[in-house]
Amino acid sequence: MPFTSLEVRHLRCFVVLAEELHFARAAERLHVSQSALSKTLKQLERATGLQLLERTTRRVELTAAGAALRDDALGALKAFDGVIERAHEMAEGRRGTLRVGFAIGSAVDLVPRVLREYAATYPEVKVELTEFDFSEPETGLDDDRSDVAIVRPPIETDGVQLTTIVTEPRLVCLPESHPLAEREGPISIYDILDEPIVGAPTEGVWRDYWLACDYRDGQPPPVVAEVATHESELQTIAAGRGISITAESAARFYARPGIRFRRIADIAPCEVAVALPTHPTPAARAFAELALEASGYQAPSAG
């Protein structure tokens, strides 16, 4: 029997036989017949060129070569089983690498908590976190740079599964010198449609959403600047060049001198969602489930 014809079962059978030193007990453990076990041993001896056992009518003993092969076989089987176990862990999402994309400024308080809980639950998964600015609202899902993402809908990538984890009001961000900056209470979207506005540097439904194009009756928004980050957005507004429409969380995490935030009363709230591609990996799906659980979000009931 050539060496290349050896199989893992040869080593497993030999290790059990070396432990039992009794063909009947070893065969019973292996759920094979004694004749099959004897045949397997002969194949192993023929392939290795070694006599592994000394067998008499009274007892079975390992030869010196058999004892050495037993030790090597135990190490080889442990290594092989480890490879298979790690492969199963990867298939089940318990090992490997998970690429997480997130839209800038989205769920700023939630994402760190999700990452901590995920690391505690799946310690063998390496998480690679990438932030995407306003120019890439698809957060790497459109070109396979992310396995799962935290996004602000709407996005245009086909086949993406979105699950809402945060809902919050939309606000207008104004220069502190703006006449509406000191108004008490919410303002109307129709109070600001003619205002010069700061937009994202990308065409599409995401940019149109934050420019409130659905409320403009087909009229183009008066965009005065295009910015890719919250910092650039707020610097532009503080300089008095225009306004922007943003999420309520921006008022909590990005407030600073020179700007004011006011809630818009008659515009739909915005969302943050966890997004999966059409065929998510087990690790990505586990991350999405954990993000939903950590958010505690419950969709509003109908009516």
C-alpha atoms as a PDB file:
ATOM      1  CA  MET A   1       0.000   0.000   0.000  1.00  0.00           C
ATOM      2  CA  PRO A   2       1.633   3.286  -1.050  1.00  0.00           C
ATOM      3  CA  PHE A   3       2.136   6.005   1.549  1.00  0.00           C
ATOM      4  CA  THR A   4      -0.181   8.353  -0.365  1.00  0.00           C
ATOM      5  CA  SER A   5      -3.060   5.890   0.119  1.00  0.00           C
ATOM      6  CA  LEU A   6      -3.016   6.311   3.880  1.00  0.00           C
ATOM      7  CA  GLU A   7      -6.073   7.959   5.388  1.00  0.00           C
ATOM      8  CA  VAL A   8      -6.802   9.611   8.702  1.00  0.00           C
ATOM      9  CA  ARG A   9      -8.774   6.516   9.717  1.00  0.00           C
ATOM     10  CA  HIS A  10      -5.567   4.457   9.688  1.00  0.00           C
ATOM     11  CA  LEU A  11      -4.054   6.690  12.352  1.00  0.00           C
ATOM     12  CA  ARG A  12      -7.265   6.812  14.388  1.00  0.00           C
ATOM     13  CA  CYS A  13      -7.594   3.056  14.393  1.00  0.00           C
ATOM     14  CA  PHE A  14      -3.961   2.617  15.359  1.00  0.00           C
ATOM     15  CA  VAL A  15      -4.165   5.144  18.215  1.00  0.00           C
ATOM     16  CA  VAL A  16      -7.215   3.404  19.694  1.00  0.00           C
ATOM     17  CA  LEU A  17      -5.529   0.027  19.343  1.00  0.00           C
ATOM     18  CA  ALA A  18      -2.392   1.403  20.982  1.00  0.00           C
ATOM     19  CA  GLU A  19      -4.520   2.612  23.893  1.00  0.00           C
ATOM     20  CA  GLU A  20      -6.471  -0.597  24.353  1.00  0.00           C
ATOM     21  CA  LEU A  21      -3.807  -3.160  23.356  1.00  0.00           C
ATOM     22  CA  HIS A  22      -6.752  -5.444  22.773  1.00  0.00           C
ATOM     23  CA  PHE A  23      -8.287  -6.028  19.357  1.00  0.00           C
ATOM     24  CA  ALA A  24     -11.799  -6.795  20.569  1.00  0.00           C
ATOM     25  CA  ARG A  25     -12.067  -3.723  22.798  1.00  0.00           C
ATOM     26  CA  ALA A  26     -10.496  -1.467  20.169  1.00  0.00           C
ATOM     27  CA  ALA A  27     -12.850  -2.779  17.480  1.00  0.00           C
ATOM     28  CA  GLU A  28     -15.815  -2.160  19.752  1.00  0.00           C
ATOM     29  CA  ARG A  29     -14.728   1.444  20.371  1.00  0.00           C
ATOM     30  CA  LEU A  30     -14.243   2.017  16.676  1.00  0.00           C
ATOM     31  CA  HIS A  31     -17.505   0.270  15.701  1.00  0.00           C
ATOM     32  CA  VAL A  32     -15.714  -2.026  13.239  1.00  0.00           C
ATOM     33  CA  SER A  33     -15.090  -5.744  13.116  1.00  0.00           C
ATOM     34  CA  GLN A  34     -11.836  -7.241  14.442  1.00  0.00           C
ATOM     35  CA  SER A  35     -10.973  -8.444  10.957  1.00  0.00           C
ATOM     36  CA  ALA A  36     -11.426  -4.929   9.554  1.00  0.00           C
ATOM     37  CA  LEU A  37      -9.213  -3.527  12.316  1.00  0.00           C
ATOM     38  CA  SER A  38      -6.535  -6.119  11.618  1.00  0.00           C
ATOM     39  CA  LYS A  39      -6.662  -5.262   7.910  1.00  0.00           C
ATOM     40  CA  THR A  40      -6.283  -1.541   8.681  1.00  0.00           C
ATOM     41  CA  LEU A  41      -3.271  -2.236  10.902  1.00  0.00           C
ATOM     42  CA  LYS A  42      -1.612  -4.344   8.207  1.00  0.00           C
ATOM     43  CA  GLN A  43      -2.167  -1.543   5.657  1.00  0.00           C
ATOM     44  CA  LEU A  44      -0.524   0.943   8.009  1.00  0.00           C
ATOM     45  CA  GLU A  45       2.417  -1.359   8.687  1.00  0.00           C
ATOM     46  CA  ARG A  46       2.859  -2.013   4.975  1.00  0.00           C
ATOM     47  CA  ALA A  47       2.755   1.708   4.148  1.00  0.00           C
ATOM     48  CA  THR A  48       5.241   2.649   6.870  1.00  0.00           C
ATOM     49  CA  GLY A  49       7.469  -0.396   6.581  1.00  0.00           C
ATOM     50  CA  LEU A  50       7.303  -0.853  10.340  1.00  0.00           C
ATOM     51  CA  GLN A  51       6.114  -3.542  12.668  1.00  0.00           C
ATOM     52  CA  LEU A  52       3.915  -1.633  15.084  1.00  0.00           C
ATOM     53  CA  LEU A  53       2.602  -4.369  17.370  1.00  0.00           C
ATOM     54  CA  GLU A  54       3.804  -7.619  18.806  1.00  0.00           C
ATOM     55  CA  ARG A  55       0.827  -9.945  19.048  1.00  0.00           C
ATOM     56  CA  THR A  56       0.658 -13.282  20.814  1.00  0.00           C
ATOM     57  CA  THR A  57      -2.235 -15.452  21.943  1.00  0.00           C
ATOM     58  CA  ARG A  58      -1.997 -13.836  25.370  1.00  0.00           C
ATOM     59  CA  ARG A  59      -1.255 -10.168  24.817  1.00  0.00           C
ATOM     60  CA  VAL A  60      -0.701  -7.291  22.397  1.00  0.00           C
ATOM     61  CA  GLU A  61       2.226  -4.912  22.913  1.00  0.00           C
ATOM     62  CA  LEU A  62       3.599  -1.911  21.073  1.00  0.00           C
ATOM     63  CA  THR A  63       6.993  -2.194  19.500  1.00  0.00           C
ATOM     64  CA  ALA A  64       9.425   0.681  19.984  1.00  0.00           C
ATOM     65  CA  ALA A  65       8.512   1.900  16.491  1.00  0.00           C
ATOM     66  CA  GLY A  66       4.838   1.536  17.344  1.00  0.00           C
ATOM     67  CA  ALA A  67       5.219   3.666  20.489  1.00  0.00           C
ATOM     68  CA  ALA A  68       7.004   6.367  18.498  1.00  0.00           C
ATOM     69  CA  LEU A  69       4.363   6.315  15.764  1.00  0.00           C
ATOM     70  CA  ARG A  70       1.609   6.453  18.391  1.00  0.00           C
ATOM     71  CA  ASP A  71       3.059   9.699  19.780  1.00  0.00           C
ATOM     72  CA  ASP A  72       3.429  11.196  16.306  1.00  0.00           C
ATOM     73  CA  ALA A  73      -0.071  10.049  15.352  1.00  0.00           C
ATOM     74  CA  LEU A  74      -1.578  11.685  18.434  1.00  0.00           C
ATOM     75  CA  GLY A  75       0.040  14.988  17.489  1.00  0.00           C
ATOM     76  CA  ALA A  76      -1.020  14.688  13.862  1.00  0.00           C
ATOM     77  CA  LEU A  77      -4.617  13.875  14.777  1.00  0.00           C
ATOM     78  CA  LYS A  78      -4.761  16.764  17.226  1.00  0.00           C
ATOM     79  CA  ALA A  79      -3.498  19.132  14.526  1.00  0.00           C
ATOM     80  CA  PHE A  80      -5.913  17.708  11.953  1.00  0.00           C
ATOM     81  CA  ASP A  81      -8.879  17.944  14.327  1.00  0.00           C
ATOM     82  CA  GLY A  82      -7.882  21.523  15.116  1.00  0.00           C
ATOM     83  CA  VAL A  83      -7.929  22.400  11.413  1.00  0.00           C
ATOM     84  CA  ILE A  84     -11.388  20.911  11.010  1.00  0.00           C
ATOM     85  CA  GLU A  85     -12.689  22.600  14.157  1.00  0.00           C
ATOM     86  CA  ARG A  86     -11.385  25.985  13.027  1.00  0.00           C
ATOM     87  CA  ALA A  87     -12.969  25.430   9.620  1.00  0.00           C
ATOM     88  CA  HIS A  88     -16.310  24.707  11.303  1.00  0.00           C
ATOM     89  CA  GLU A  89     -15.916  27.843  13.420  1.00  0.00           C
ATOM     90  CA  MET A  90     -15.317  29.918  10.296  1.00  0.00           C
ATOM     91  CA  ALA A  91     -18.345  28.352   8.590  1.00  0.00           C
ATOM     92  CA  GLU A  92     -20.459  29.170  11.645  1.00  0.00           C
ATOM     93  CA  GLY A  93     -19.143  32.734  11.953  1.00  0.00           C
ATOM     94  CA  ARG A  94     -17.189  32.075  15.160  1.00  0.00           C
ATOM     95  CA  ARG A  95     -13.739  32.640  13.635  1.00  0.00           C
ATOM     96  CA  GLY A  96     -12.224  34.668  10.818  1.00  0.00           C
ATOM     97  CA  THR A  97     -12.460  38.329   9.795  1.00  0.00           C
ATOM     98  CA  LEU A  98     -15.543  40.532   9.684  1.00  0.00           C
ATOM     99  CA  ARG A  99     -15.416  43.811   7.756  1.00  0.00           C
ATOM    100  CA  VAL A 100     -17.821  46.313   9.286  1.00  0.00           C
ATOM    101  CA  GLY A 101     -18.546  49.571   7.494  1.00  0.00           C
ATOM    102  CA  PHE A 102     -20.390  52.453   9.095  1.00  0.00           C
ATOM    103  CA  ALA A 103     -21.684  55.742   7.798  1.00  0.00           C
ATOM    104  CA  ILE A 104     -20.056  58.727   9.413  1.00  0.00           C
ATOM    105  CA  GLY A 105     -22.066  60.015  12.365  1.00  0.00           C
ATOM    106  CA  SER A 106     -24.473  57.055  12.396  1.00  0.00           C
ATOM    107  CA  ALA A 107     -25.393  55.521  15.756  1.00  0.00           C
ATOM    108  CA  VAL A 108     -22.332  57.097  17.339  1.00  0.00           C
ATOM    109  CA  ASP A 109     -23.345  55.944  20.810  1.00  0.00           C
ATOM    110  CA  LEU A 110     -24.586  52.506  19.714  1.00  0.00           C
ATOM    111  CA  VAL A 111     -21.734  51.262  17.503  1.00  0.00           C
ATOM    112  CA  PRO A 112     -19.097  51.060  20.282  1.00  0.00           C
ATOM    113  CA  ARG A 113     -21.501  49.071  22.448  1.00  0.00           C
ATOM    114  CA  VAL A 114     -22.258  46.664  19.613  1.00  0.00           C
ATOM    115  CA  LEU A 115     -18.559  46.198  18.913  1.00  0.00           C
ATOM    116  CA  ARG A 116     -17.818  45.446  22.569  1.00  0.00           C
ATOM    117  CA  GLU A 117     -20.634  42.920  22.828  1.00  0.00           C
ATOM    118  CA  TYR A 118     -19.662  41.293  19.552  1.00  0.00           C
ATOM    119  CA  ALA A 119     -16.029  40.972  20.661  1.00  0.00           C
ATOM    120  CA  ALA A 120     -17.155  39.398  23.937  1.00  0.00           C
ATOM    121  CA  THR A 121     -19.457  36.943  22.161  1.00  0.00           C
ATOM    122  CA  TYR A 122     -17.141  36.119  19.228  1.00  0.00           C
ATOM    123  CA  PRO A 123     -13.586  36.605  20.533  1.00  0.00           C
ATOM    124  CA  GLU A 124     -12.008  34.647  17.658  1.00  0.00           C
ATOM    125  CA  VAL A 125     -13.436  36.953  14.977  1.00  0.00           C
ATOM    126  CA  LYS A 126     -11.207  39.854  13.960  1.00  0.00           C
ATOM    127  CA  VAL A 127     -13.315  42.949  13.256  1.00  0.00           C
ATOM    128  CA  GLU A 128     -12.067  45.461  10.701  1.00  0.00           C
ATOM    129  CA  LEU A 129     -13.982  48.734  11.126  1.00  0.00           C
ATOM    130  CA  THR A 130     -14.125  51.304   8.314  1.00  0.00           C
ATOM    131  CA  GLU A 131     -15.837  54.697   8.417  1.00  0.00           C
ATOM    132  CA  PHE A 132     -17.404  56.001   5.195  1.00  0.00           C
ATOM    133  CA  ASP A 133     -18.144  59.683   4.664  1.00  0.00           C
ATOM    134  CA  PHE A 134     -21.040  61.410   2.882  1.00  0.00           C
ATOM    135  CA  SER A 135     -19.587  60.568  -0.536  1.00  0.00           C
ATOM    136  CA  GLU A 136     -20.139  56.827   0.049  1.00  0.00           C
ATOM    137  CA  PRO A 137     -23.527  56.264   1.713  1.00  0.00           C
ATOM    138  CA  GLU A 138     -23.472  52.594   0.596  1.00  0.00           C
ATOM    139  CA  THR A 139     -20.599  52.076   3.092  1.00  0.00           C
ATOM    140  CA  GLY A 140     -18.744  49.519   1.005  1.00  0.00           C
ATOM    141  CA  LEU A 141     -21.716  47.203   0.396  1.00  0.00           C
ATOM    142  CA  ASP A 142     -21.805  48.163  -3.268  1.00  0.00           C
ATOM    143  CA  ASP A 143     -18.298  46.894  -4.042  1.00  0.00           C
ATOM    144  CA  ASP A 144     -17.714  44.160  -1.440  1.00  0.00           C
ATOM    145  CA  ARG A 145     -15.547  46.213   0.905  1.00  0.00           C
ATOM    146  CA  SER A 146     -17.914  45.538   3.813  1.00  0.00           C
ATOM    147  CA  ASP A 147     -19.536  42.321   5.024  1.00  0.00           C
ATOM    148  CA  VAL A 148     -22.087  44.240   7.110  1.00  0.00           C
ATOM    149  CA  ALA A 149     -22.675  47.936   7.640  1.00  0.00           C
ATOM    150  CA  ILE A 150     -24.368  50.564   9.760  1.00  0.00           C
ATOM    151  CA  VAL A 151     -26.025  52.940   7.294  1.00  0.00           C
ATOM    152  CA  ARG A 152     -28.421  55.845   7.050  1.00  0.00           C
ATOM    153  CA  PRO A 153     -31.076  54.917   4.486  1.00  0.00           C
ATOM    154  CA  PRO A 154     -31.958  55.427   1.753  1.00  0.00           C
ATOM    155  CA  ILE A 155     -29.177  53.691  -0.197  1.00  0.00           C
ATOM    156  CA  GLU A 156     -29.278  52.420  -3.759  1.00  0.00           C
ATOM    157  CA  THR A 157     -27.338  49.144  -3.598  1.00  0.00           C
ATOM    158  CA  ASP A 158     -29.356  46.232  -5.009  1.00  0.00           C
ATOM    159  CA  GLY A 159     -30.196  43.301  -2.776  1.00  0.00           C
ATOM    160  CA  VAL A 160     -29.220  44.910   0.515  1.00  0.00           C
ATOM    161  CA  GLN A 161     -31.280  43.803   3.527  1.00  0.00           C
ATOM    162  CA  LEU A 162     -31.981  46.745   5.845  1.00  0.00           C
ATOM    163  CA  THR A 163     -33.101  46.420   9.447  1.00  0.00           C
ATOM    164  CA  THR A 164     -33.854  49.638  11.320  1.00  0.00           C
ATOM    165  CA  ILE A 165     -32.087  50.031  14.659  1.00  0.00           C
ATOM    166  CA  VAL A 166     -32.592  53.765  15.321  1.00  0.00           C
ATOM    167  CA  THR A 167     -35.280  56.282  14.374  1.00  0.00           C
ATOM    168  CA  GLU A 168     -34.762  59.964  15.128  1.00  0.00           C
ATOM    169  CA  PRO A 169     -36.132  63.367  14.044  1.00  0.00           C
ATOM    170  CA  ARG A 170     -34.484  65.446  11.355  1.00  0.00           C
ATOM    171  CA  LEU A 171     -33.208  68.885  12.330  1.00  0.00           C
ATOM    172  CA  VAL A 172     -32.043  71.939  10.509  1.00  0.00           C
ATOM    173  CA  CYS A 173     -28.578  73.219  11.319  1.00  0.00           C
ATOM    174  CA  LEU A 174     -28.344  77.012  11.081  1.00  0.00           C
ATOM    175  CA  PRO A 175     -25.700  79.668  11.529  1.00  0.00           C
ATOM    176  CA  GLU A 176     -26.246  81.298  14.943  1.00  0.00           C
ATOM    177  CA  SER A 177     -26.903  84.610  13.143  1.00  0.00           C
ATOM    178  CA  HIS A 178     -29.785  83.166  11.119  1.00  0.00           C
ATOM    179  CA  PRO A 179     -33.240  84.682  11.909  1.00  0.00           C
ATOM    180  CA  LEU A 180     -34.646  81.194  12.613  1.00  0.00           C
ATOM    181  CA  ALA A 181     -31.841  80.301  15.013  1.00  0.00           C
ATOM    182  CA  GLU A 182     -33.599  81.820  18.034  1.00  0.00           C
ATOM    183  CA  ARG A 183     -37.115  80.760  17.165  1.00  0.00           C
ATOM    184  CA  GLU A 184     -38.834  78.813  19.927  1.00  0.00           C
ATOM    185  CA  GLY A 185     -40.004  75.301  19.111  1.00  0.00           C
ATOM    186  CA  PRO A 186     -39.882  73.379  15.815  1.00  0.00           C
ATOM    187  CA  ILE A 187     -39.905  75.041  12.420  1.00  0.00           C
ATOM    188  CA  SER A 188     -41.529  74.005   9.141  1.00  0.00           C
ATOM    189  CA  ILE A 189     -39.634  72.476   6.247  1.00  0.00           C
ATOM    190  CA  TYR A 190     -41.277  75.117   4.074  1.00  0.00           C
ATOM    191  CA  ASP A 191     -39.525  77.842   6.082  1.00  0.00           C
ATOM    192  CA  ILE A 192     -36.136  76.688   4.818  1.00  0.00           C
ATOM    193  CA  LEU A 193     -36.669  75.380   1.266  1.00  0.00           C
ATOM    194  CA  ASP A 194     -35.367  78.621  -0.263  1.00  0.00           C
ATOM    195  CA  GLU A 195     -32.343  78.774   2.026  1.00  0.00           C
ATOM    196  CA  PRO A 196     -28.885  78.108   0.564  1.00  0.00           C
ATOM    197  CA  ILE A 197     -28.090  74.547   1.612  1.00  0.00           C
ATOM    198  CA  VAL A 198     -25.031  72.357   2.074  1.00  0.00           C
ATOM    199  CA  GLY A 199     -25.165  68.991   0.293  1.00  0.00           C
ATOM    200  CA  ALA A 200     -23.207  65.759  -0.052  1.00  0.00           C
ATOM    201  CA  PRO A 201     -20.628  65.401  -2.849  1.00  0.00           C
ATOM    202  CA  THR A 202     -22.460  62.564  -4.559  1.00  0.00           C
ATOM    203  CA  GLU A 203     -25.510  62.285  -6.779  1.00  0.00           C
ATOM    204  CA  GLY A 204     -28.392  59.972  -5.933  1.00  0.00           C
ATOM    205  CA  VAL A 205     -31.270  59.271  -3.594  1.00  0.00           C
ATOM    206  CA  TRP A 206     -29.186  59.724  -0.435  1.00  0.00           C
ATOM    207  CA  ARG A 207     -28.144  63.256  -1.322  1.00  0.00           C
ATOM    208  CA  ASP A 208     -31.696  64.105  -2.463  1.00  0.00           C
ATOM    209  CA  TYR A 209     -33.103  62.811   0.833  1.00  0.00           C
ATOM    210  CA  TRP A 210     -30.939  65.159   2.911  1.00  0.00           C
ATOM    211  CA  LEU A 211     -31.691  68.053   0.564  1.00  0.00           C
ATOM    212  CA  ALA A 212     -35.452  67.439   1.112  1.00  0.00           C
ATOM    213  CA  CYS A 213     -36.023  67.151  -2.632  1.00  0.00           C
ATOM    214  CA  ASP A 214     -39.378  65.412  -2.042  1.00  0.00           C
ATOM    215  CA  TYR A 215     -40.721  68.718  -0.690  1.00  0.00           C
ATOM    216  CA  ARG A 216     -39.483  70.971  -3.513  1.00  0.00           C
ATOM    217  CA  ASP A 217     -42.020  70.228  -6.283  1.00  0.00           C
ATOM    218  CA  GLY A 218     -39.265  69.423  -8.728  1.00  0.00           C
ATOM    219  CA  GLN A 219     -37.335  72.619  -8.104  1.00  0.00           C
ATOM    220  CA  PRO A 220     -33.560  72.150  -7.684  1.00  0.00           C
ATOM    221  CA  PRO A 221     -32.222  72.865  -4.187  1.00  0.00           C
ATOM    222  CA  PRO A 222     -29.983  75.935  -3.889  1.00  0.00           C
ATOM    223  CA  VAL A 223     -26.807  74.009  -3.007  1.00  0.00           C
ATOM    224  CA  VAL A 224     -23.950  76.376  -2.110  1.00  0.00           C
ATOM    225  CA  ALA A 225     -21.351  73.845  -0.987  1.00  0.00           C
ATOM    226  CA  GLU A 226     -20.656  70.132  -1.094  1.00  0.00           C
ATOM    227  CA  VAL A 227     -19.003  68.477   1.900  1.00  0.00           C
ATOM    228  CA  ALA A 228     -18.059  64.919   2.839  1.00  0.00           C
ATOM    229  CA  THR A 229     -17.844  65.108   6.631  1.00  0.00           C
ATOM    230  CA  HIS A 230     -19.744  66.542   9.584  1.00  0.00           C
ATOM    231  CA  GLU A 231     -16.761  68.724  10.416  1.00  0.00           C
ATOM    232  CA  SER A 232     -16.748  70.343   6.971  1.00  0.00           C
ATOM    233  CA  GLU A 233     -20.523  70.685   7.073  1.00  0.00           C
ATOM    234  CA  LEU A 234     -20.561  72.497  10.401  1.00  0.00           C
ATOM    235  CA  GLN A 235     -17.613  74.720   9.537  1.00  0.00           C
ATOM    236  CA  THR A 236     -19.417  75.790   6.358  1.00  0.00           C
ATOM    237  CA  ILE A 237     -22.617  76.565   8.278  1.00  0.00           C
ATOM    238  CA  ALA A 238     -20.806  78.373  11.092  1.00  0.00           C
ATOM    239  CA  ALA A 239     -19.232  80.573   8.410  1.00  0.00           C
ATOM    240  CA  GLY A 240     -22.747  81.652   7.413  1.00  0.00           C
ATOM    241  CA  ARG A 241     -22.731  80.158   3.929  1.00  0.00           C
ATOM    242  CA  GLY A 242     -25.910  78.116   4.286  1.00  0.00           C
ATOM    243  CA  ILE A 243     -27.911  75.575   6.268  1.00  0.00           C
ATOM    244  CA  SER A 244     -28.123  71.795   6.319  1.00  0.00           C
ATOM    245  CA  ILE A 245     -30.657  69.136   7.214  1.00  0.00           C
ATOM    246  CA  THR A 246     -29.275  66.571   9.609  1.00  0.00           C
ATOM    247  CA  ALA A 247     -30.209  64.019  12.275  1.00  0.00           C
ATOM    248  CA  GLU A 248     -31.060  64.778  15.879  1.00  0.00           C
ATOM    249  CA  SER A 249     -27.957  62.940  17.064  1.00  0.00           C
ATOM    250  CA  ALA A 250     -25.811  65.550  15.317  1.00  0.00           C
ATOM    251  CA  ALA A 251     -27.048  68.117  17.849  1.00  0.00           C
ATOM    252  CA  ARG A 252     -25.840  65.846  20.663  1.00  0.00           C
ATOM    253  CA  PHE A 253     -22.460  64.868  19.265  1.00  0.00           C
ATOM    254  CA  TYR A 254     -21.436  67.770  17.033  1.00  0.00           C
ATOM    255  CA  ALA A 255     -22.865  70.917  18.673  1.00  0.00           C
ATOM    256  CA  ARG A 256     -20.423  73.836  18.889  1.00  0.00           C
ATOM    257  CA  PRO A 257     -20.304  77.647  18.943  1.00  0.00           C
ATOM    258  CA  GLY A 258     -21.494  79.374  15.791  1.00  0.00           C
ATOM    259  CA  ILE A 259     -24.362  77.016  14.937  1.00  0.00           C
ATOM    260  CA  ARG A 260     -27.865  76.205  16.171  1.00  0.00           C
ATOM    261  CA  PHE A 261     -30.095  73.178  15.681  1.00  0.00           C
ATOM    262  CA  ARG A 262     -33.880  73.350  15.354  1.00  0.00           C
ATOM    263  CA  ARG A 263     -36.264  70.473  14.941  1.00  0.00           C
ATOM    264  CA  ILE A 264     -38.267  70.300  11.699  1.00  0.00           C
ATOM    265  CA  ALA A 265     -41.894  69.624  12.581  1.00  0.00           C
ATOM    266  CA  ASP A 266     -43.322  68.436   9.276  1.00  0.00           C
ATOM    267  CA  ILE A 267     -40.681  66.173   7.765  1.00  0.00           C
ATOM    268  CA  ALA A 268     -40.402  62.424   8.188  1.00  0.00           C
ATOM    269  CA  PRO A 269     -37.856  61.154  10.723  1.00  0.00           C
ATOM    270  CA  CYS A 270     -34.634  59.550   9.571  1.00  0.00           C
ATOM    271  CA  GLU A 271     -33.312  56.089  10.365  1.00  0.00           C
ATOM    272  CA  VAL A 272     -30.139  54.208  11.064  1.00  0.00           C
ATOM    273  CA  ALA A 273     -30.135  50.601   9.858  1.00  0.00           C
ATOM    274  CA  VAL A 274     -27.899  47.590   9.919  1.00  0.00           C
ATOM    275  CA  ALA A 275     -27.376  46.436   6.342  1.00  0.00           C
ATOM    276  CA  LEU A 276     -26.510  42.992   4.976  1.00  0.00           C
ATOM    277  CA  PRO A 277     -25.636  42.022   1.400  1.00  0.00           C
ATOM    278  CA  THR A 278     -27.730  39.530  -0.544  1.00  0.00           C
ATOM    279  CA  HIS A 279     -25.697  36.571   0.684  1.00  0.00           C
ATOM    280  CA  PRO A 280     -24.332  37.498   4.116  1.00  0.00           C
ATOM    281  CA  THR A 281     -21.703  35.473   5.904  1.00  0.00           C
ATOM    282  CA  PRO A 282     -22.686  33.830   9.207  1.00  0.00           C
ATOM    283  CA  ALA A 283     -20.450  36.335  11.025  1.00  0.00           C
ATOM    284  CA  ALA A 284     -22.181  39.261   9.318  1.00  0.00           C
ATOM    285  CA  ARG A 285     -25.614  37.913  10.144  1.00  0.00           C
ATOM    286  CA  ALA A 286     -24.612  37.397  13.774  1.00  0.00           C
ATOM    287  CA  PHE A 287     -23.374  41.007  13.931  1.00  0.00           C
ATOM    288  CA  ALA A 288     -26.649  42.290  12.499  1.00  0.00           C
ATOM    289  CA  GLU A 289     -28.689  40.312  15.000  1.00  0.00           C
ATOM    290  CA  LEU A 290     -26.567  41.566  17.874  1.00  0.00           C
ATOM    291  CA  ALA A 291     -26.868  45.175  16.643  1.00  0.00           C
ATOM    292  CA  LEU A 292     -30.657  44.908  16.568  1.00  0.00           C
ATOM    293  CA  GLU A 293     -30.703  43.362  20.032  1.00  0.00           C
ATOM    294  CA  ALA A 294     -28.336  45.989  21.452  1.00  0.00           C
ATOM    295  CA  SER A 295     -30.388  48.841  19.987  1.00  0.00           C
ATOM    296  CA  GLY A 296     -33.584  47.646  21.636  1.00  0.00           C
ATOM    297  CA  TYR A 297     -35.437  49.027  18.621  1.00  0.00           C
ATOM    298  CA  GLN A 298     -39.052  47.997  18.132  1.00  0.00           C
ATOM    299  CA  ALA A 299     -40.884  48.978  15.003  1.00  0.00           C
ATOM    300  CA  PRO A 300     -43.977  51.095  15.661  1.00  0.00           C
ATOM    301  CA  SER A 301     -47.193  49.118  15.461  1.00  0.00           C
ATOM    302  CA  ALA A 302     -49.541  49.686  12.569  1.00  0.00           C
ATOM    303  CA  GLY A 303     -51.959  52.502  13.210  1.00  0.00           C
END
